[in-house]
Amino acid sequence: MSVKCGQRLVRTSFSYGQSINWFPGHMMAGLREMRDQMRNVDLVVETRDARIPLSSINKQFEQIVKGKHRVVVYNKADLAPVSIQATVQKEMAKRSQHALFTDTSVDKSVKQILELAKTLVKDDPVRYQQLVVMIVGMPNVGKSTLINALRRIGVRKGKAASTGAKPGVTRTVSGKIRVLETPAVYLVDTPGVMVPHIPDPIAAIKVALTGGIKDNIADESVLADYLLFRLNLFDGVDYCNVLGIEEPTDDISYLLQMLGKKIGALRRGGEVDIDKTIHFFLRTFRQGKFGRVCLDDLDEGSVEEFFQRNLEDASPSKNQQRKAKRAAQRQRTLERARSRNLD
């Protein structure tokens, strides 16, 4: 369906029926390590992406963290509208989840986590001679960057965790990283763990668009089309000015032609290099150049529907487990094949 926006028609819905599954072997191993180490953990910091406050929830963590102190940290808050924070915190509180928003470049926001750790120790100093905090979350939500920020602020030391713009940089559960001297607080970094099967294809697109799934796993042309669809619906987002193109459009092919010529992404003969142009378009979004955006709908009805559809049962069925195992095996086969082709 389309509606008129100014002098043009824009879509009001986006249809996509294919699932995007990415659950390589190191994620399954990471989940096992998390379970094994959880007995030694006092506080779990579940990190999510503020641009997709619902879609970045991984229901697998519900069973793993059960019975532990937990705080939900919506990272990359500098890329999401400030206006969503109160709504998200209210909706999470309804589900007994304490939510914070962090921007790792702003010390004050990161200190919230250290202050929470200090409070736990202060309330029960006999139990917590030292506090062990485990950082969990889906790929590329900024867990390692958050750890480095906590270490910089808490003990004024440099990077302790490797970071990168692509998902899958952290592949194993790390040893303890000290982030506070008094009281003694240690962090444990973990690999980003994807949901083995995201039932909603649009939610999977959102995760991929924000960098949680490797681009070569998703269909990048679909990601670009969905991004254009959302940009046309956002109030106050002037993507034409950002991209330096003459006019808005709801046609992704037309946009890529205009943009490719603008940035000089051309093949021999003057043909637009579509792949290079798509990469530029997606990178522009991921770098926050379109301004603060939220890809999830956060009205009360949409939130309720999301939780009912995706999180009713936190433990996967045997059939879902078999599907996840087969998906991981297929992914390992594909990665081995790609590796051989590159050699």
Protein backbone atom coordinates (compact mmCIF):
# COMPACT_ATOMS: atom_id res chain seq x y z
CA MET A 1 0.00 0.00 0.00
CA SER A 2 1.20 3.56 -0.75
CA VAL A 3 0.21 6.99 0.52
CA LYS A 4 0.92 10.43 -0.89
CA CYS A 5 3.76 12.28 0.81
CA GLY A 6 4.04 15.78 -0.64
CA GLN A 7 3.98 15.21 -4.40
CA ARG A 8 5.04 11.56 -4.30
CA LEU A 9 3.75 8.15 -3.27
CA VAL A 10 5.53 6.17 -0.56
CA ARG A 11 4.93 2.67 0.74
CA THR A 12 3.29 2.23 4.12
CA SER A 13 4.23 -1.45 4.47
CA PHE A 14 7.13 -3.63 3.46
CA SER A 15 6.71 -7.26 2.44
CA TYR A 16 9.48 -9.83 2.74
CA GLY A 17 8.90 -13.51 3.38
CA GLN A 18 12.36 -15.08 3.49
CA SER A 19 14.10 -15.88 6.77
CA ILE A 20 17.71 -14.85 7.41
CA ASN A 21 19.49 -17.39 9.58
CA TRP A 22 23.05 -17.00 10.85
CA PHE A 23 24.12 -19.19 13.75
CA PRO A 24 27.74 -20.33 13.21
CA GLY A 25 29.39 -22.90 15.45
CA HIS A 26 31.21 -20.42 17.69
CA MET A 27 27.84 -19.01 18.83
CA MET A 28 26.60 -22.41 19.97
CA ALA A 29 29.91 -22.98 21.77
CA GLY A 30 29.62 -19.51 23.30
CA LEU A 31 26.17 -20.30 24.70
CA ARG A 32 27.53 -23.46 26.33
CA GLU A 33 30.42 -21.51 27.87
CA MET A 34 28.01 -18.88 29.20
CA ARG A 35 25.92 -21.55 30.89
CA ASP A 36 29.02 -23.17 32.36
CA GLN A 37 30.38 -19.90 33.76
CA MET A 38 27.07 -18.48 34.95
CA ARG A 39 27.44 -20.02 38.42
CA ASN A 40 30.38 -17.68 39.02
CA VAL A 41 28.57 -14.57 37.74
CA ASP A 42 26.87 -12.04 40.04
CA LEU A 43 25.41 -9.58 37.53
CA VAL A 44 24.44 -9.97 33.89
CA VAL A 45 24.53 -6.95 31.59
CA GLU A 46 22.40 -7.78 28.56
CA THR A 47 23.37 -5.37 25.80
CA ARG A 48 20.93 -4.43 23.06
CA ASP A 49 20.93 -1.93 20.19
CA ALA A 50 18.96 1.25 20.94
CA ARG A 51 18.00 1.56 17.25
CA ILE A 52 16.16 -1.78 17.46
CA PRO A 53 15.12 -2.05 21.13
CA LEU A 54 12.82 -5.01 20.44
CA SER A 55 14.48 -6.75 17.51
CA SER A 56 17.83 -6.93 19.36
CA ILE A 57 16.32 -9.07 22.13
CA ASN A 58 17.60 -12.64 22.18
CA LYS A 59 15.18 -14.88 24.04
CA GLN A 60 17.87 -17.53 24.57
CA PHE A 61 19.33 -15.37 27.33
CA GLU A 62 16.11 -15.65 29.37
CA GLN A 63 16.89 -19.20 30.46
CA ILE A 64 20.62 -18.59 30.91
CA VAL A 65 20.31 -15.55 33.20
CA LYS A 66 17.36 -16.81 35.22
CA GLY A 67 17.89 -16.12 38.93
CA LYS A 68 20.72 -13.63 38.37
CA HIS A 69 20.77 -9.88 38.87
CA ARG A 70 20.30 -8.41 35.40
CA VAL A 71 20.33 -5.00 33.80
CA VAL A 72 19.42 -4.36 30.18
CA VAL A 73 21.70 -1.82 28.51
CA TYR A 74 20.54 -0.19 25.30
CA ASN A 75 23.84 0.77 23.73
CA LYS A 76 24.45 3.14 20.78
CA ALA A 77 21.92 5.53 22.32
CA ASP A 78 23.55 8.35 20.37
CA LEU A 79 22.13 6.79 17.18
CA ALA A 80 18.52 6.51 18.44
CA PRO A 81 15.94 9.21 19.30
CA VAL A 82 16.05 10.37 22.91
CA SER A 83 12.24 10.33 22.85
CA ILE A 84 12.08 6.52 22.82
CA GLN A 85 13.94 6.05 26.10
CA ALA A 86 11.06 6.60 28.51
CA THR A 87 8.78 4.36 26.43
CA VAL A 88 11.31 1.53 26.26
CA GLN A 89 12.09 1.74 29.98
CA LYS A 90 8.37 1.66 30.80
CA GLU A 91 7.72 -1.36 28.57
CA MET A 92 10.75 -3.24 29.92
CA ALA A 93 9.73 -2.45 33.51
CA LYS A 94 6.37 -4.13 32.82
CA ARG A 95 8.41 -7.28 32.12
CA SER A 96 10.63 -6.90 35.21
CA GLN A 97 13.61 -5.67 33.18
CA HIS A 98 15.61 -2.66 34.39
CA ALA A 99 16.77 -0.76 31.30
CA LEU A 100 19.54 1.82 30.87
CA PHE A 101 20.67 3.72 27.78
CA THR A 102 24.36 4.18 27.08
CA ASP A 103 26.59 6.04 24.65
CA THR A 104 30.13 4.72 25.13
CA SER A 105 31.60 8.11 24.22
CA VAL A 106 29.79 9.74 27.16
CA ASP A 107 31.28 8.74 30.51
CA LYS A 108 28.20 9.71 32.53
CA SER A 109 25.99 7.21 30.72
CA VAL A 110 28.49 4.36 31.11
CA LYS A 111 29.02 5.12 34.81
CA GLN A 112 25.44 4.02 35.44
CA ILE A 113 26.60 0.41 35.16
CA LEU A 114 29.52 0.90 37.57
CA GLU A 115 27.22 2.62 40.05
CA LEU A 116 24.82 -0.32 39.87
CA ALA A 117 27.70 -2.72 40.57
CA LYS A 118 28.82 -0.58 43.53
CA THR A 119 25.28 -0.63 44.94
CA LEU A 120 25.11 -4.44 44.80
CA VAL A 121 28.36 -4.70 46.77
CA LYS A 122 27.32 -2.01 49.25
CA ASP A 123 23.99 -3.74 49.94
CA ASP A 124 25.67 -7.12 50.64
CA PRO A 125 29.43 -6.68 51.23
CA VAL A 126 29.80 -10.09 52.86
CA ARG A 127 28.42 -11.91 49.82
CA TYR A 128 30.23 -9.80 47.25
CA GLN A 129 33.90 -9.75 48.16
CA GLN A 130 34.32 -9.14 44.46
CA LEU A 131 31.68 -8.75 41.77
CA VAL A 132 31.78 -10.64 38.48
CA VAL A 133 29.75 -9.13 35.65
CA MET A 134 29.03 -10.99 32.41
CA ILE A 135 28.28 -8.97 29.26
CA VAL A 136 25.92 -10.75 26.85
CA GLY A 137 24.06 -9.69 23.72
CA MET A 138 23.50 -10.23 20.03
CA PRO A 139 26.35 -9.57 17.56
CA ASN A 140 27.56 -6.01 17.01
CA VAL A 141 25.50 -4.32 19.73
CA GLY A 142 28.73 -2.87 21.14
CA LYS A 143 29.57 -5.23 24.01
CA SER A 144 33.36 -5.02 23.61
CA THR A 145 33.23 -1.25 23.12
CA LEU A 146 31.18 -1.01 26.32
CA ILE A 147 33.75 -3.11 28.20
CA ASN A 148 36.57 -0.86 27.00
CA ALA A 149 34.61 2.22 28.10
CA LEU A 150 33.96 0.71 31.55
CA ARG A 151 37.67 -0.11 31.90
CA ARG A 152 38.69 3.38 30.77
CA ILE A 153 36.37 5.03 33.27
CA GLY A 154 36.77 2.56 36.15
CA VAL A 155 40.54 1.93 36.24
CA ARG A 156 41.74 4.44 33.61
CA LYS A 157 43.32 1.78 31.43
CA GLY A 158 43.22 1.11 27.70
CA LYS A 159 41.42 -1.42 25.51
CA ALA A 160 40.95 -4.91 26.88
CA ALA A 161 38.48 -6.26 24.29
CA SER A 162 38.82 -6.36 20.50
CA THR A 163 36.24 -4.34 18.59
CA GLY A 164 35.12 -4.06 14.98
CA ALA A 165 32.32 -2.74 12.78
CA LYS A 166 31.44 -6.25 11.59
CA PRO A 167 29.69 -8.89 13.72
CA GLY A 168 31.59 -11.88 15.07
CA VAL A 169 34.80 -10.16 16.30
CA THR A 170 34.52 -11.77 19.76
CA ARG A 171 34.32 -15.55 19.27
CA THR A 172 34.95 -17.00 22.74
CA VAL A 173 34.13 -16.19 26.37
CA SER A 174 36.99 -14.10 27.73
CA GLY A 175 38.78 -14.23 31.07
CA LYS A 176 38.07 -11.67 33.78
CA ILE A 177 38.77 -8.03 32.97
CA ARG A 178 39.12 -5.70 35.96
CA VAL A 179 37.08 -2.51 35.58
CA LEU A 180 36.94 -1.21 39.16
CA GLU A 181 39.43 -1.35 42.03
CA THR A 182 37.20 -0.55 45.00
CA PRO A 183 35.01 -2.49 45.15
CA ALA A 184 36.69 -5.10 42.96
CA VAL A 185 34.56 -5.51 39.84
CA TYR A 186 35.48 -7.82 36.96
CA LEU A 187 33.84 -8.18 33.57
CA VAL A 188 33.58 -11.24 31.33
CA ASP A 189 33.12 -10.61 27.61
CA THR A 190 31.19 -13.13 25.50
CA PRO A 191 30.65 -13.67 21.77
CA GLY A 192 27.60 -12.09 20.23
CA VAL A 193 24.94 -14.77 19.95
CA MET A 194 22.27 -14.58 17.27
CA VAL A 195 18.79 -16.06 17.60
CA PRO A 196 19.03 -19.42 15.72
CA HIS A 197 15.77 -18.65 13.95
CA ILE A 198 14.19 -15.18 13.83
CA PRO A 199 10.52 -15.90 13.13
CA ASP A 200 9.77 -12.42 11.76
CA PRO A 201 11.65 -11.74 8.48
CA ILE A 202 11.31 -7.96 8.97
CA ALA A 203 12.94 -8.20 12.41
CA ALA A 204 15.78 -10.14 10.77
CA ILE A 205 16.19 -7.33 8.21
CA LYS A 206 16.43 -4.80 11.04
CA VAL A 207 19.11 -6.84 12.80
CA ALA A 208 21.07 -7.17 9.55
CA LEU A 209 20.64 -3.48 8.70
CA THR A 210 22.15 -2.44 12.03
CA GLY A 211 25.11 -4.77 11.46
CA GLY A 212 24.09 -7.77 13.58
CA ILE A 213 24.22 -10.24 10.67
CA LYS A 214 27.04 -10.36 8.15
CA ASP A 215 26.12 -8.56 4.95
CA ASN A 216 27.04 -11.56 2.78
CA ILE A 217 24.46 -13.65 4.67
CA ALA A 218 21.62 -11.18 4.10
CA ASP A 219 20.42 -9.90 0.74
CA GLU A 220 22.01 -6.45 0.68
CA SER A 221 19.63 -5.17 -2.00
CA VAL A 222 16.69 -5.99 0.29
CA LEU A 223 18.43 -4.20 3.19
CA ALA A 224 18.89 -1.13 1.01
CA ASP A 225 15.25 -1.22 -0.13
CA TYR A 226 14.00 -1.56 3.46
CA LEU A 227 16.24 1.32 4.55
CA LEU A 228 14.78 3.54 1.81
CA PHE A 229 11.26 2.49 2.86
CA ARG A 230 11.95 3.53 6.47
CA LEU A 231 13.71 6.78 5.55
CA ASN A 232 10.64 7.84 3.57
CA LEU A 233 8.46 7.30 6.65
CA PHE A 234 10.67 9.14 9.15
CA ASP A 235 9.74 12.73 9.93
CA GLY A 236 12.59 15.19 9.71
CA VAL A 237 15.04 12.90 7.88
CA ASP A 238 16.33 14.68 4.77
CA TYR A 239 18.20 11.83 3.14
CA CYS A 240 18.43 13.71 -0.16
CA ASN A 241 20.54 16.39 1.50
CA VAL A 242 22.71 13.78 3.24
CA LEU A 243 23.28 11.80 0.04
CA GLY A 244 23.53 14.83 -2.22
CA ILE A 245 20.81 13.68 -4.59
CA GLU A 246 18.22 15.90 -6.25
CA GLU A 247 14.90 14.38 -5.21
CA PRO A 248 13.36 11.77 -2.91
CA THR A 249 12.08 8.50 -4.32
CA ASP A 250 10.46 5.27 -3.23
CA ASP A 251 12.17 3.31 -6.00
CA ILE A 252 15.41 1.72 -4.77
CA SER A 253 16.68 1.11 -8.31
CA TYR A 254 16.24 4.79 -9.17
CA LEU A 255 17.90 5.86 -5.90
CA LEU A 256 20.92 3.64 -6.50
CA GLN A 257 21.33 5.00 -10.01
CA MET A 258 21.24 8.61 -8.76
CA LEU A 259 23.51 7.88 -5.79
CA GLY A 260 26.02 5.81 -7.76
CA LYS A 261 26.53 8.64 -10.24
CA LYS A 262 26.81 11.16 -7.39
CA ILE A 263 29.56 9.27 -5.53
CA GLY A 264 31.34 8.13 -8.69
CA ALA A 265 30.68 4.41 -8.16
CA LEU A 266 30.94 3.59 -11.84
CA ARG A 267 32.20 0.67 -13.86
CA ARG A 268 33.88 0.94 -17.25
CA GLY A 269 31.55 2.54 -19.74
CA GLY A 270 29.84 4.65 -17.08
CA GLU A 271 27.57 1.90 -15.69
CA VAL A 272 26.72 2.33 -12.01
CA ASP A 273 28.37 -0.18 -9.68
CA ILE A 274 25.27 -1.24 -7.77
CA ASP A 275 27.10 -3.29 -5.11
CA LYS A 276 29.47 -0.46 -4.25
CA THR A 277 26.58 2.00 -4.13
CA ILE A 278 24.55 -0.24 -1.81
CA HIS A 279 27.55 -0.55 0.52
CA PHE A 280 27.87 3.24 0.62
CA PHE A 281 24.13 3.65 1.35
CA LEU A 282 24.16 1.10 4.18
CA ARG A 283 27.39 2.48 5.64
CA THR A 284 25.93 6.00 5.67
CA PHE A 285 23.05 4.72 7.80
CA ARG A 286 25.24 2.71 10.15
CA GLN A 287 27.46 5.71 10.78
CA GLY A 288 24.44 7.68 11.93
CA LYS A 289 24.57 10.25 9.14
CA PHE A 290 20.79 10.15 8.64
CA GLY A 291 20.34 11.25 12.24
CA ARG A 292 18.81 9.44 15.19
CA VAL A 293 16.43 6.68 14.10
CA CYS A 294 14.51 3.78 15.63
CA LEU A 295 13.48 0.95 13.32
CA ASP A 296 11.07 -0.74 15.76
CA ASP A 297 7.49 0.41 16.28
CA LEU A 298 7.05 1.19 19.97
CA ASP A 299 3.36 1.89 20.41
CA GLU A 300 1.84 -0.25 23.15
CA GLY A 301 0.04 -2.58 20.74
CA SER A 302 3.15 -3.24 18.63
CA VAL A 303 5.28 -3.96 21.71
CA GLU A 304 2.70 -6.36 23.11
CA GLU A 305 2.40 -8.11 19.75
CA PHE A 306 6.17 -8.42 19.49
CA PHE A 307 6.52 -10.11 22.88
CA GLN A 308 3.62 -12.46 22.23
CA ARG A 309 4.92 -13.43 18.80
CA ASN A 310 8.60 -13.73 19.59
CA LEU A 311 9.10 -14.25 23.30
CA GLU A 312 6.21 -16.30 24.62
CA ASP A 313 8.43 -19.33 25.13
CA ALA A 314 12.00 -18.49 26.07
CA SER A 315 13.18 -22.06 25.59
CA PRO A 316 13.35 -23.34 21.98
CA SER A 317 11.45 -26.50 21.09
CA LYS A 318 13.31 -29.64 20.03
CA ASN A 319 12.31 -28.92 16.45
CA GLN A 320 13.75 -25.38 16.72
CA GLN A 321 16.93 -26.81 18.24
CA ARG A 322 17.27 -29.24 15.31
CA LYS A 323 16.70 -26.37 12.84
CA ALA A 324 19.33 -24.27 14.61
CA LYS A 325 21.82 -27.14 14.51
CA ARG A 326 21.21 -27.72 10.79
CA ALA A 327 21.53 -23.96 10.10
CA ALA A 328 24.86 -23.89 11.96
CA GLN A 329 26.10 -26.90 9.99
CA ARG A 330 25.06 -25.28 6.68
CA GLN A 331 26.80 -22.07 7.70
CA ARG A 332 30.05 -23.93 8.53
CA THR A 333 29.88 -25.69 5.16
CA LEU A 334 29.38 -22.37 3.35
CA GLU A 335 32.25 -20.73 5.24
CA ARG A 336 34.59 -23.65 4.41
CA ALA A 337 33.57 -23.42 0.74
CA ARG A 338 34.20 -19.66 0.68
CA SER A 339 37.57 -20.20 2.35
CA ARG A 340 38.60 -22.73 -0.30
CA ASN A 341 37.52 -20.37 -3.07
CA LEU A 342 39.65 -17.58 -1.60
CA ASP A 343 42.76 -19.77 -1.35
